[in-house]
Amino acid sequence: MRTTVAIGLVLIVAGALAMVLQLAGVFVETASIELGQLELEASRQQSLPWLPWAAGGAVLVGLVLVVTGRQR
């Protein structure tokens, strides 16, 4: 029983963290050039299109595990 609840809580926290990271975006620096006082940086935003679905699924599965684990 406690194992089910613990796994559910871990899934809820991981899913919530993934949602926050998706909202923040992931930036990857691609190039940086310094010429005296002039500094140029190019970066692009990279996001994972499946991340919101996986995060939401993890939260839902975690909630189900917590609820069923506490009912026993």
Foldseek 3Di string as FASTA:
>chain_A
DVVLLVQLVVLQVVLVVLVVDQVVFDKDWDDWDDDPVDIDTDIDTDHDPCSNVSSVVSNVSSVVSNVVVVVD
